[in-house]
Amino acid sequence: ISKHWEAELATLKGNNAKLTAALLESTVNVKQWKQQLAAYQE
């Protein structure tokens, strides 16, 4: 059970790292789109 939970934790850590990277990339994209949106509106 302990090994199973450790494997599960390692998988979750990997997923967390991927999601964090995707989140950072999404945040950058959102900022860029907001800037583009403001430029389009202007």
PDB file of all heavy atoms in Angstrom:
ATOM      1  N   ILE A   1       0.849  -1.205   0.000  1.00  0.00           N
ATOM      2  CA  ILE A   1       0.000   0.000   0.000  1.00  0.00           C
ATOM      3  C   ILE A   1       0.874   1.240   0.000  1.00  0.00           C
ATOM      4  O   ILE A   1       0.623   2.188  -0.741  1.00  0.00           O
ATOM      5  CB  ILE A   1      -0.943  -0.006   1.218  1.00  0.00           C
ATOM      6  CG1 ILE A   1      -1.977  -1.133   1.061  1.00  0.00           C
ATOM      7  CG2 ILE A   1      -1.633   1.331   1.366  1.00  0.00           C
ATOM      8  CD1 ILE A   1      -2.807  -1.362   2.304  1.00  0.00           C
ATOM      9  N   SER A   2       1.915   1.218   0.792  1.00  0.00           N
ATOM     10  CA  SER A   2       2.821   2.373   0.860  1.00  0.00           C
ATOM     11  C   SER A   2       3.461   2.617  -0.492  1.00  0.00           C
ATOM     12  O   SER A   2       3.530   3.750  -0.956  1.00  0.00           O
ATOM     13  CB  SER A   2       3.876   2.122   1.934  1.00  0.00           C
ATOM     14  OG  SER A   2       4.784   3.187   1.992  1.00  0.00           O
ATOM     15  N   LYS A   3       3.932   1.546  -1.149  1.00  0.00           N
ATOM     16  CA  LYS A   3       4.537   1.701  -2.476  1.00  0.00           C
ATOM     17  C   LYS A   3       3.513   2.228  -3.471  1.00  0.00           C
ATOM     18  O   LYS A   3       3.812   3.057  -4.318  1.00  0.00           O
ATOM     19  CB  LYS A   3       5.120   0.374  -2.947  1.00  0.00           C
ATOM     20  CG  LYS A   3       6.405   0.002  -2.232  1.00  0.00           C
ATOM     21  CD  LYS A   3       6.998  -1.267  -2.781  1.00  0.00           C
ATOM     22  CE  LYS A   3       8.304  -1.628  -2.061  1.00  0.00           C
ATOM     23  NZ  LYS A   3       8.880  -2.855  -2.565  1.00  0.00           N
ATOM     24  N   HIS A   4       2.276   1.701  -3.357  1.00  0.00           N
ATOM     25  CA  HIS A   4       1.205   2.173  -4.251  1.00  0.00           C
ATOM     26  C   HIS A   4       0.971   3.666  -4.074  1.00  0.00           C
ATOM     27  O   HIS A   4       0.879   4.403  -5.042  1.00  0.00           O
ATOM     28  CB  HIS A   4      -0.082   1.387  -3.970  1.00  0.00           C
ATOM     29  CG  HIS A   4      -1.286   1.958  -4.666  1.00  0.00           C
ATOM     30  ND1 HIS A   4      -1.478   1.818  -6.026  1.00  0.00           N
ATOM     31  CD2 HIS A   4      -2.322   2.681  -4.197  1.00  0.00           C
ATOM     32  CE1 HIS A   4      -2.597   2.428  -6.357  1.00  0.00           C
ATOM     33  NE2 HIS A   4      -3.127   2.955  -5.257  1.00  0.00           N
ATOM     34  N   TRP A   5       0.909   4.101  -2.840  1.00  0.00           N
ATOM     35  CA  TRP A   5       0.676   5.537  -2.575  1.00  0.00           C
ATOM     36  C   TRP A   5       1.858   6.368  -3.025  1.00  0.00           C
ATOM     37  O   TRP A   5       1.711   7.487  -3.515  1.00  0.00           O
ATOM     38  CB  TRP A   5       0.378   5.771  -1.098  1.00  0.00           C
ATOM     39  CG  TRP A   5      -1.029   5.397  -0.733  1.00  0.00           C
ATOM     40  CD1 TRP A   5      -1.426   4.374   0.069  1.00  0.00           C
ATOM     41  CD2 TRP A   5      -2.234   6.009  -1.172  1.00  0.00           C
ATOM     42  NE1 TRP A   5      -2.787   4.308   0.155  1.00  0.00           N
ATOM     43  CE2 TRP A   5      -3.315   5.314  -0.605  1.00  0.00           C
ATOM     44  CE3 TRP A   5      -2.549   7.077  -2.006  1.00  0.00           C
ATOM     45  CZ2 TRP A   5      -4.633   5.653  -0.823  1.00  0.00           C
ATOM     46  CZ3 TRP A   5      -3.870   7.412  -2.206  1.00  0.00           C
ATOM     47  CH2 TRP A   5      -4.888   6.696  -1.619  1.00  0.00           C
ATOM     48  N   GLU A   6       3.077   5.829  -2.887  1.00  0.00           N
ATOM     49  CA  GLU A   6       4.249   6.574  -3.348  1.00  0.00           C
ATOM     50  C   GLU A   6       4.211   6.725  -4.863  1.00  0.00           C
ATOM     51  O   GLU A   6       4.518   7.787  -5.404  1.00  0.00           O
ATOM     52  CB  GLU A   6       5.523   5.863  -2.901  1.00  0.00           C
ATOM     53  CG  GLU A   6       5.784   5.982  -1.406  1.00  0.00           C
ATOM     54  CD  GLU A   6       6.991   5.155  -0.954  1.00  0.00           C
ATOM     55  OE1 GLU A   6       7.648   4.528  -1.774  1.00  0.00           O
ATOM     56  OE2 GLU A   6       7.238   5.158   0.252  1.00  0.00           O
ATOM     57  N   ALA A   7       3.816   5.655  -5.565  1.00  0.00           N
ATOM     58  CA  ALA A   7       3.700   5.729  -7.020  1.00  0.00           C
ATOM     59  C   ALA A   7       2.612   6.721  -7.411  1.00  0.00           C
ATOM     60  O   ALA A   7       2.774   7.516  -8.332  1.00  0.00           O
ATOM     61  CB  ALA A   7       3.392   4.336  -7.595  1.00  0.00           C
ATOM     62  N   GLU A   8       1.502   6.666  -6.691  1.00  0.00           N
ATOM     63  CA  GLU A   8       0.403   7.602  -6.950  1.00  0.00           C
ATOM     64  C   GLU A   8       0.858   9.039  -6.719  1.00  0.00           C
ATOM     65  O   GLU A   8       0.550   9.934  -7.494  1.00  0.00           O
ATOM     66  CB  GLU A   8      -0.779   7.254  -6.023  1.00  0.00           C
ATOM     67  CG  GLU A   8      -2.043   8.016  -6.321  1.00  0.00           C
ATOM     68  CD  GLU A   8      -2.713   7.560  -7.609  1.00  0.00           C
ATOM     69  OE1 GLU A   8      -2.529   6.418  -8.029  1.00  0.00           O
ATOM     70  OE2 GLU A   8      -3.411   8.389  -8.206  1.00  0.00           O
ATOM     71  N   LEU A   9       1.634   9.246  -5.648  1.00  0.00           N
ATOM     72  CA  LEU A   9       2.138  10.587  -5.337  1.00  0.00           C
ATOM     73  C   LEU A   9       3.088  11.064  -6.423  1.00  0.00           C
ATOM     74  O   LEU A   9       3.029  12.213  -6.858  1.00  0.00           O
ATOM     75  CB  LEU A   9       2.845  10.578  -3.971  1.00  0.00           C
ATOM     76  CG  LEU A   9       3.442  11.906  -3.513  1.00  0.00           C
ATOM     77  CD1 LEU A   9       2.353  12.970  -3.396  1.00  0.00           C
ATOM     78  CD2 LEU A   9       4.166  11.740  -2.183  1.00  0.00           C
ATOM     79  N   ALA A  10       3.972  10.182  -6.915  1.00  0.00           N
ATOM     80  CA  ALA A  10       4.904  10.556  -7.981  1.00  0.00           C
ATOM     81  C   ALA A  10       4.129  10.933  -9.242  1.00  0.00           C
ATOM     82  O   ALA A  10       4.456  11.911  -9.910  1.00  0.00           O
ATOM     83  CB  ALA A  10       5.873   9.399  -8.255  1.00  0.00           C
ATOM     84  N   THR A  11       3.094  10.166  -9.569  1.00  0.00           N
ATOM     85  CA  THR A  11       2.266  10.474 -10.739  1.00  0.00           C
ATOM     86  C   THR A  11       1.595  11.831 -10.575  1.00  0.00           C
ATOM     87  O   THR A  11       1.578  12.645 -11.502  1.00  0.00           O
ATOM     88  CB  THR A  11       1.186   9.383 -10.930  1.00  0.00           C
ATOM     89  OG1 THR A  11       1.839   8.126 -11.071  1.00  0.00           O
ATOM     90  CG2 THR A  11       0.346   9.665 -12.150  1.00  0.00           C
ATOM     91  N   LEU A  12       1.056  12.065  -9.387  1.00  0.00           N
ATOM     92  CA  LEU A  12       0.400  13.345  -9.124  1.00  0.00           C
ATOM     93  C   LEU A  12       1.384  14.500  -9.190  1.00  0.00           C
ATOM     94  O   LEU A  12       1.057  15.581  -9.693  1.00  0.00           O
ATOM     95  CB  LEU A  12      -0.288  13.309  -7.754  1.00  0.00           C
ATOM     96  CG  LEU A  12      -1.576  12.478  -7.700  1.00  0.00           C
ATOM     97  CD1 LEU A  12      -2.060  12.369  -6.268  1.00  0.00           C
ATOM     98  CD2 LEU A  12      -2.657  13.053  -8.585  1.00  0.00           C
ATOM     99  N   LYS A  13       2.616  14.274  -8.712  1.00  0.00           N
ATOM    100  CA  LYS A  13       3.622  15.341  -8.790  1.00  0.00           C
ATOM    101  C   LYS A  13       3.939  15.652 -10.254  1.00  0.00           C
ATOM    102  O   LYS A  13       4.079  16.812 -10.632  1.00  0.00           O
ATOM    103  CB  LYS A  13       4.882  14.935  -8.036  1.00  0.00           C
ATOM    104  CG  LYS A  13       4.735  15.044  -6.530  1.00  0.00           C
ATOM    105  CD  LYS A  13       6.025  14.678  -5.811  1.00  0.00           C
ATOM    106  CE  LYS A  13       5.868  14.796  -4.304  1.00  0.00           C
ATOM    107  NZ  LYS A  13       7.084  14.419  -3.592  1.00  0.00           N
ATOM    108  N   GLY A  14       4.051  14.612 -11.079  1.00  0.00           N
ATOM    109  CA  GLY A  14       4.309  14.818 -12.512  1.00  0.00           C
ATOM    110  C   GLY A  14       3.163  15.573 -13.164  1.00  0.00           C
ATOM    111  O   GLY A  14       3.373  16.519 -13.926  1.00  0.00           O
ATOM    112  N   ASN A  15       1.924  15.140 -12.849  1.00  0.00           N
ATOM    113  CA  ASN A  15       0.757  15.831 -13.396  1.00  0.00           C
ATOM    114  C   ASN A  15       0.708  17.274 -12.922  1.00  0.00           C
ATOM    115  O   ASN A  15       0.356  18.174 -13.679  1.00  0.00           O
ATOM    116  CB  ASN A  15      -0.538  15.113 -12.985  1.00  0.00           C
ATOM    117  CG  ASN A  15      -0.706  13.790 -13.697  1.00  0.00           C
ATOM    118  OD1 ASN A  15      -0.058  13.550 -14.712  1.00  0.00           O
ATOM    119  ND2 ASN A  15      -1.543  12.912 -13.186  1.00  0.00           N
ATOM    120  N   ASN A  16       1.063  17.469 -11.667  1.00  0.00           N
ATOM    121  CA  ASN A  16       1.046  18.813 -11.105  1.00  0.00           C
ATOM    122  C   ASN A  16       2.047  19.710 -11.830  1.00  0.00           C
ATOM    123  O   ASN A  16       1.754  20.856 -12.156  1.00  0.00           O
ATOM    124  CB  ASN A  16       1.357  18.758  -9.605  1.00  0.00           C
ATOM    125  CG  ASN A  16       1.201  20.102  -8.945  1.00  0.00           C
ATOM    126  OD1 ASN A  16       0.305  20.863  -9.298  1.00  0.00           O
ATOM    127  ND2 ASN A  16       2.067  20.417  -8.013  1.00  0.00           N
ATOM    128  N   ALA A  17       3.241  19.175 -12.116  1.00  0.00           N
ATOM    129  CA  ALA A  17       4.251  19.961 -12.828  1.00  0.00           C
ATOM    130  C   ALA A  17       3.754  20.317 -14.227  1.00  0.00           C
ATOM    131  O   ALA A  17       3.901  21.453 -14.682  1.00  0.00           O
ATOM    132  CB  ALA A  17       5.568  19.188 -12.898  1.00  0.00           C
ATOM    133  N   LYS A  18       3.139  19.344 -14.911  1.00  0.00           N
ATOM    134  CA  LYS A  18       2.616  19.608 -16.249  1.00  0.00           C
ATOM    135  C   LYS A  18       1.519  20.669 -16.202  1.00  0.00           C
ATOM    136  O   LYS A  18       1.468  21.575 -17.035  1.00  0.00           O
ATOM    137  CB  LYS A  18       2.063  18.319 -16.867  1.00  0.00           C
ATOM    138  CG  LYS A  18       3.129  17.316 -17.232  1.00  0.00           C
ATOM    139  CD  LYS A  18       2.501  16.037 -17.744  1.00  0.00           C
ATOM    140  CE  LYS A  18       3.548  14.953 -17.975  1.00  0.00           C
ATOM    141  NZ  LYS A  18       2.930  13.681 -18.341  1.00  0.00           N
ATOM    142  N   LEU A  19       0.614  20.523 -15.234  1.00  0.00           N
ATOM    143  CA  LEU A  19      -0.491  21.475 -15.114  1.00  0.00           C
ATOM    144  C   LEU A  19       0.012  22.867 -14.745  1.00  0.00           C
ATOM    145  O   LEU A  19      -0.505  23.872 -15.224  1.00  0.00           O
ATOM    146  CB  LEU A  19      -1.499  20.975 -14.073  1.00  0.00           C
ATOM    147  CG  LEU A  19      -2.344  19.784 -14.522  1.00  0.00           C
ATOM    148  CD1 LEU A  19      -3.160  19.246 -13.363  1.00  0.00           C
ATOM    149  CD2 LEU A  19      -3.257  20.167 -15.672  1.00  0.00           C
ATOM    150  N   THR A  20       1.040  22.915 -13.892  1.00  0.00           N
ATOM    151  CA  THR A  20       1.611  24.212 -13.520  1.00  0.00           C
ATOM    152  C   THR A  20       2.215  24.882 -14.743  1.00  0.00           C
ATOM    153  O   THR A  20       2.019  26.076 -14.973  1.00  0.00           O
ATOM    154  CB  THR A  20       2.678  24.024 -12.429  1.00  0.00           C
ATOM    155  OG1 THR A  20       2.065  23.368 -11.308  1.00  0.00           O
ATOM    156  CG2 THR A  20       3.225  25.358 -11.978  1.00  0.00           C
ATOM    157  N   ALA A  21       2.944  24.113 -15.572  1.00  0.00           N
ATOM    158  CA  ALA A  21       3.537  24.669 -16.796  1.00  0.00           C
ATOM    159  C   ALA A  21       2.435  25.143 -17.743  1.00  0.00           C
ATOM    160  O   ALA A  21       2.513  26.231 -18.318  1.00  0.00           O
ATOM    161  CB  ALA A  21       4.420  23.632 -17.475  1.00  0.00           C
ATOM    162  N   ALA A  22       1.379  24.336 -17.886  1.00  0.00           N
ATOM    163  CA  ALA A  22       0.260  24.717 -18.757  1.00  0.00           C
ATOM    164  C   ALA A  22      -0.430  25.968 -18.223  1.00  0.00           C
ATOM    165  O   ALA A  22      -0.832  26.847 -18.985  1.00  0.00           O
ATOM    166  CB  ALA A  22      -0.737  23.573 -18.865  1.00  0.00           C
ATOM    167  N   LEU A  23      -0.550  26.041 -16.906  1.00  0.00           N
ATOM    168  CA  LEU A  23      -1.176  27.203 -16.281  1.00  0.00           C
ATOM    169  C   LEU A  23      -0.364  28.463 -16.542  1.00  0.00           C
ATOM    170  O   LEU A  23      -0.917  29.507 -16.895  1.00  0.00           O
ATOM    171  CB  LEU A  23      -1.312  26.958 -14.765  1.00  0.00           C
ATOM    172  CG  LEU A  23      -1.936  28.068 -13.939  1.00  0.00           C
ATOM    173  CD1 LEU A  23      -3.361  28.325 -14.397  1.00  0.00           C
ATOM    174  CD2 LEU A  23      -1.910  27.700 -12.471  1.00  0.00           C
ATOM    175  N   LEU A  24       0.962  28.365 -16.388  1.00  0.00           N
ATOM    176  CA  LEU A  24       1.820  29.529 -16.652  1.00  0.00           C
ATOM    177  C   LEU A  24       1.721  29.948 -18.116  1.00  0.00           C
ATOM    178  O   LEU A  24       1.615  31.134 -18.429  1.00  0.00           O
ATOM    179  CB  LEU A  24       3.267  29.204 -16.279  1.00  0.00           C
ATOM    180  CG  LEU A  24       3.553  29.038 -14.773  1.00  0.00           C
ATOM    181  CD1 LEU A  24       4.977  28.570 -14.565  1.00  0.00           C
ATOM    182  CD2 LEU A  24       3.304  30.331 -14.031  1.00  0.00           C
ATOM    183  N   GLU A  25       1.746  28.967 -19.015  1.00  0.00           N
ATOM    184  CA  GLU A  25       1.633  29.269 -20.431  1.00  0.00           C
ATOM    185  C   GLU A  25       0.288  29.898 -20.747  1.00  0.00           C
ATOM    186  O   GLU A  25       0.196  30.877 -21.494  1.00  0.00           O
ATOM    187  CB  GLU A  25       1.812  27.984 -21.244  1.00  0.00           C
ATOM    188  CG  GLU A  25       1.779  28.228 -22.749  1.00  0.00           C
ATOM    189  CD  GLU A  25       1.966  26.934 -23.540  1.00  0.00           C
ATOM    190  OE1 GLU A  25       2.526  25.970 -22.985  1.00  0.00           O
ATOM    191  OE2 GLU A  25       1.544  26.900 -24.694  1.00  0.00           O
ATOM    192  N   SER A  26      -0.775  29.378 -20.133  1.00  0.00           N
ATOM    193  CA  SER A  26      -2.114  29.921 -20.344  1.00  0.00           C
ATOM    194  C   SER A  26      -2.203  31.351 -19.836  1.00  0.00           C
ATOM    195  O   SER A  26      -2.813  32.205 -20.471  1.00  0.00           O
ATOM    196  CB  SER A  26      -3.147  29.052 -19.613  1.00  0.00           C
ATOM    197  OG  SER A  26      -3.141  27.763 -20.123  1.00  0.00           O
ATOM    198  N   THR A  27      -1.577  31.600 -18.687  1.00  0.00           N
ATOM    199  CA  THR A  27      -1.602  32.952 -18.123  1.00  0.00           C
ATOM    200  C   THR A  27      -0.910  33.930 -19.068  1.00  0.00           C
ATOM    201  O   THR A  27      -1.407  35.031 -19.311  1.00  0.00           O
ATOM    202  CB  THR A  27      -0.901  32.956 -16.754  1.00  0.00           C
ATOM    203  OG1 THR A  27      -1.528  31.986 -15.919  1.00  0.00           O
ATOM    204  CG2 THR A  27      -1.007  34.308 -16.104  1.00  0.00           C
ATOM    205  N   VAL A  28       0.229  33.514 -19.627  1.00  0.00           N
ATOM    206  CA  VAL A  28       0.941  34.373 -20.590  1.00  0.00           C
ATOM    207  C   VAL A  28       0.071  34.617 -21.817  1.00  0.00           C
ATOM    208  O   VAL A  28      -0.044  35.750 -22.298  1.00  0.00           O
ATOM    209  CB  VAL A  28       2.293  33.723 -20.977  1.00  0.00           C
ATOM    210  CG1 VAL A  28       2.911  34.448 -22.154  1.00  0.00           C
ATOM    211  CG2 VAL A  28       3.233  33.719 -19.791  1.00  0.00           C
ATOM    212  N   ASN A  29      -0.575  33.549 -22.309  1.00  0.00           N
ATOM    213  CA  ASN A  29      -1.452  33.690 -23.476  1.00  0.00           C
ATOM    214  C   ASN A  29      -2.618  34.621 -23.187  1.00  0.00           C
ATOM    215  O   ASN A  29      -3.002  35.432 -24.024  1.00  0.00           O
ATOM    216  CB  ASN A  29      -1.978  32.325 -23.931  1.00  0.00           C
ATOM    217  CG  ASN A  29      -0.891  31.479 -24.576  1.00  0.00           C
ATOM    218  OD1 ASN A  29       0.107  32.012 -25.018  1.00  0.00           O
ATOM    219  ND2 ASN A  29      -1.069  30.177 -24.619  1.00  0.00           N
ATOM    220  N   VAL A  30      -3.195  34.495 -21.998  1.00  0.00           N
ATOM    221  CA  VAL A  30      -4.325  35.362 -21.620  1.00  0.00           C
ATOM    222  C   VAL A  30      -3.881  36.822 -21.618  1.00  0.00           C
ATOM    223  O   VAL A  30      -4.583  37.700 -22.127  1.00  0.00           O
ATOM    224  CB  VAL A  30      -4.896  34.944 -20.241  1.00  0.00           C
ATOM    225  CG1 VAL A  30      -5.828  36.003 -19.709  1.00  0.00           C
ATOM    226  CG2 VAL A  30      -5.618  33.615 -20.357  1.00  0.00           C
ATOM    227  N   LYS A  31      -2.694  37.094 -21.065  1.00  0.00           N
ATOM    228  CA  LYS A  31      -2.191  38.469 -21.050  1.00  0.00           C
ATOM    229  C   LYS A  31      -2.000  38.989 -22.464  1.00  0.00           C
ATOM    230  O   LYS A  31      -2.370  40.134 -22.773  1.00  0.00           O
ATOM    231  CB  LYS A  31      -0.870  38.543 -20.277  1.00  0.00           C
ATOM    232  CG  LYS A  31      -1.040  38.407 -18.778  1.00  0.00           C
ATOM    233  CD  LYS A  31       0.300  38.477 -18.070  1.00  0.00           C
ATOM    234  CE  LYS A  31       0.125  38.260 -16.569  1.00  0.00           C
ATOM    235  NZ  LYS A  31       1.417  38.289 -15.869  1.00  0.00           N
ATOM    236  N   GLN A  32      -1.428  38.149 -23.331  1.00  0.00           N
ATOM    237  CA  GLN A  32      -1.225  38.566 -24.720  1.00  0.00           C
ATOM    238  C   GLN A  32      -2.558  38.839 -25.406  1.00  0.00           C
ATOM    239  O   GLN A  32      -2.707  39.824 -26.134  1.00  0.00           O
ATOM    240  CB  GLN A  32      -0.454  37.491 -25.495  1.00  0.00           C
ATOM    241  CG  GLN A  32       0.995  37.369 -25.091  1.00  0.00           C
ATOM    242  CD  GLN A  32       1.697  36.207 -25.801  1.00  0.00           C
ATOM    243  OE1 GLN A  32       1.051  35.372 -26.435  1.00  0.00           O
ATOM    244  NE2 GLN A  32       3.007  36.161 -25.676  1.00  0.00           N
ATOM    245  N   TRP A  33      -3.525  37.960 -25.181  1.00  0.00           N
ATOM    246  CA  TRP A  33      -4.831  38.143 -25.810  1.00  0.00           C
ATOM    247  C   TRP A  33      -5.533  39.386 -25.285  1.00  0.00           C
ATOM    248  O   TRP A  33      -6.230  40.065 -26.020  1.00  0.00           O
ATOM    249  CB  TRP A  33      -5.688  36.903 -25.619  1.00  0.00           C
ATOM    250  CG  TRP A  33      -5.183  35.716 -26.386  1.00  0.00           C
ATOM    251  CD1 TRP A  33      -4.453  35.733 -27.535  1.00  0.00           C
ATOM    252  CD2 TRP A  33      -5.334  34.349 -26.048  1.00  0.00           C
ATOM    253  NE1 TRP A  33      -4.152  34.476 -27.940  1.00  0.00           N
ATOM    254  CE2 TRP A  33      -4.684  33.578 -27.040  1.00  0.00           C
ATOM    255  CE3 TRP A  33      -5.965  33.667 -25.025  1.00  0.00           C
ATOM    256  CZ2 TRP A  33      -4.648  32.214 -27.038  1.00  0.00           C
ATOM    257  CZ3 TRP A  33      -5.930  32.296 -25.024  1.00  0.00           C
ATOM    258  CH2 TRP A  33      -5.267  31.578 -26.021  1.00  0.00           C
ATOM    259  N   LYS A  34      -5.365  39.645 -24.003  1.00  0.00           N
ATOM    260  CA  LYS A  34      -5.965  40.866 -23.455  1.00  0.00           C
ATOM    261  C   LYS A  34      -5.348  42.105 -24.103  1.00  0.00           C
ATOM    262  O   LYS A  34      -6.051  43.073 -24.397  1.00  0.00           O
ATOM    263  CB  LYS A  34      -5.787  40.907 -21.932  1.00  0.00           C
ATOM    264  CG  LYS A  34      -6.735  39.982 -21.198  1.00  0.00           C
ATOM    265  CD  LYS A  34      -6.595  40.109 -19.690  1.00  0.00           C
ATOM    266  CE  LYS A  34      -7.559  39.180 -18.984  1.00  0.00           C
ATOM    267  NZ  LYS A  34      -7.452  39.275 -17.533  1.00  0.00           N
ATOM    268  N   GLN A  35      -4.020  42.048 -24.312  1.00  0.00           N
ATOM    269  CA  GLN A  35      -3.362  43.164 -24.972  1.00  0.00           C
ATOM    270  C   GLN A  35      -3.873  43.299 -26.413  1.00  0.00           C
ATOM    271  O   GLN A  35      -4.148  44.403 -26.881  1.00  0.00           O
ATOM    272  CB  GLN A  35      -1.840  42.969 -24.959  1.00  0.00           C
ATOM    273  CG  GLN A  35      -1.219  43.120 -23.583  1.00  0.00           C
ATOM    274  CD  GLN A  35       0.268  42.741 -23.572  1.00  0.00           C
ATOM    275  OE1 GLN A  35       0.787  42.202 -24.535  1.00  0.00           O
ATOM    276  NE2 GLN A  35       0.935  43.031 -22.449  1.00  0.00           N
ATOM    277  N   GLN A  36      -3.988  42.170 -27.105  1.00  0.00           N
ATOM    278  CA  GLN A  36      -4.511  42.203 -28.475  1.00  0.00           C
ATOM    279  C   GLN A  36      -5.942  42.719 -28.489  1.00  0.00           C
ATOM    280  O   GLN A  36      -6.320  43.505 -29.372  1.00  0.00           O
ATOM    281  CB  GLN A  36      -4.457  40.809 -29.097  1.00  0.00           C
ATOM    282  CG  GLN A  36      -3.070  40.332 -29.458  1.00  0.00           C
ATOM    283  CD  GLN A  36      -3.077  38.899 -30.010  1.00  0.00           C
ATOM    284  OE1 GLN A  36      -4.098  38.233 -30.005  1.00  0.00           O
ATOM    285  NE2 GLN A  36      -1.914  38.458 -30.480  1.00  0.00           N
ATOM    286  N   LEU A  37      -6.725  42.269 -27.516  1.00  0.00           N
ATOM    287  CA  LEU A  37      -8.119  42.700 -27.416  1.00  0.00           C
ATOM    288  C   LEU A  37      -8.191  44.215 -27.224  1.00  0.00           C
ATOM    289  O   LEU A  37      -8.971  44.895 -27.882  1.00  0.00           O
ATOM    290  CB  LEU A  37      -8.797  41.975 -26.246  1.00  0.00           C
ATOM    291  CG  LEU A  37     -10.231  42.405 -25.914  1.00  0.00           C
ATOM    292  CD1 LEU A  37     -11.140  42.120 -27.100  1.00  0.00           C
ATOM    293  CD2 LEU A  37     -10.716  41.687 -24.677  1.00  0.00           C
ATOM    294  N   ALA A  38      -7.346  44.723 -26.322  1.00  0.00           N
ATOM    295  CA  ALA A  38      -7.341  46.166 -26.093  1.00  0.00           C
ATOM    296  C   ALA A  38      -6.934  46.892 -27.382  1.00  0.00           C
ATOM    297  O   ALA A  38      -7.526  47.922 -27.739  1.00  0.00           O
ATOM    298  CB  ALA A  38      -6.381  46.509 -24.962  1.00  0.00           C
ATOM    299  N   ALA A  39      -5.945  46.349 -28.082  1.00  0.00           N
ATOM    300  CA  ALA A  39      -5.516  46.972 -29.346  1.00  0.00           C
ATOM    301  C   ALA A  39      -6.635  46.918 -30.378  1.00  0.00           C
ATOM    302  O   ALA A  39      -6.895  47.906 -31.085  1.00  0.00           O
ATOM    303  CB  ALA A  39      -4.265  46.259 -29.869  1.00  0.00           C
ATOM    304  N   TYR A  40      -7.344  45.789 -30.471  1.00  0.00           N
ATOM    305  CA  TYR A  40      -8.460  45.668 -31.408  1.00  0.00           C
ATOM    306  C   TYR A  40      -9.574  46.639 -31.058  1.00  0.00           C
ATOM    307  O   TYR A  40     -10.175  47.262 -31.945  1.00  0.00           O
ATOM    308  CB  TYR A  40      -9.007  44.238 -31.423  1.00  0.00           C
ATOM    309  CG  TYR A  40      -8.096  43.213 -32.044  1.00  0.00           C
ATOM    310  CD1 TYR A  40      -8.096  41.895 -31.601  1.00  0.00           C
ATOM    311  CD2 TYR A  40      -7.237  43.528 -33.088  1.00  0.00           C
ATOM    312  CE1 TYR A  40      -7.266  40.935 -32.155  1.00  0.00           C
ATOM    313  CE2 TYR A  40      -6.402  42.593 -33.652  1.00  0.00           C
ATOM    314  CZ  TYR A  40      -6.415  41.297 -33.185  1.00  0.00           C
ATOM    315  OH  TYR A  40      -5.591  40.356 -33.756  1.00  0.00           O
ATOM    316  N   GLN A  41      -9.868  46.723 -29.751  1.00  0.00           N
ATOM    317  CA  GLN A  41     -10.916  47.653 -29.335  1.00  0.00           C
ATOM    318  C   GLN A  41     -10.521  49.093 -29.655  1.00  0.00           C
ATOM    319  O   GLN A  41     -11.341  49.886 -30.123  1.00  0.00           O
ATOM    320  CB  GLN A  41     -11.190  47.495 -27.834  1.00  0.00           C
ATOM    321  CG  GLN A  41     -11.929  46.216 -27.499  1.00  0.00           C
ATOM    322  CD  GLN A  41     -12.046  45.988 -26.002  1.00  0.00           C
ATOM    323  OE1 GLN A  41     -11.269  46.529 -25.223  1.00  0.00           O
ATOM    324  NE2 GLN A  41     -13.032  45.191 -25.612  1.00  0.00           N
ATOM    325  N   GLU A  42      -9.258  49.406 -29.405  1.00  0.00           N
ATOM    326  CA  GLU A  42      -8.775  50.753 -29.704  1.00  0.00           C
ATOM    327  C   GLU A  42      -8.840  51.011 -31.211  1.00  0.00           C
ATOM    328  O   GLU A  42      -9.282  52.088 -31.646  1.00  0.00           O
ATOM    329  CB  GLU A  42      -7.343  50.901 -29.181  1.00  0.00           C
ATOM    330  CG  GLU A  42      -6.801  52.306 -29.283  1.00  0.00           C
ATOM    331  CD  GLU A  42      -5.411  52.392 -28.652  1.00  0.00           C
ATOM    332  OE1 GLU A  42      -5.210  51.841 -27.562  1.00  0.00           O
ATOM    333  OE2 GLU A  42      -4.553  53.011 -29.278  1.00  0.00           O
TER     334      GLU A  42
END
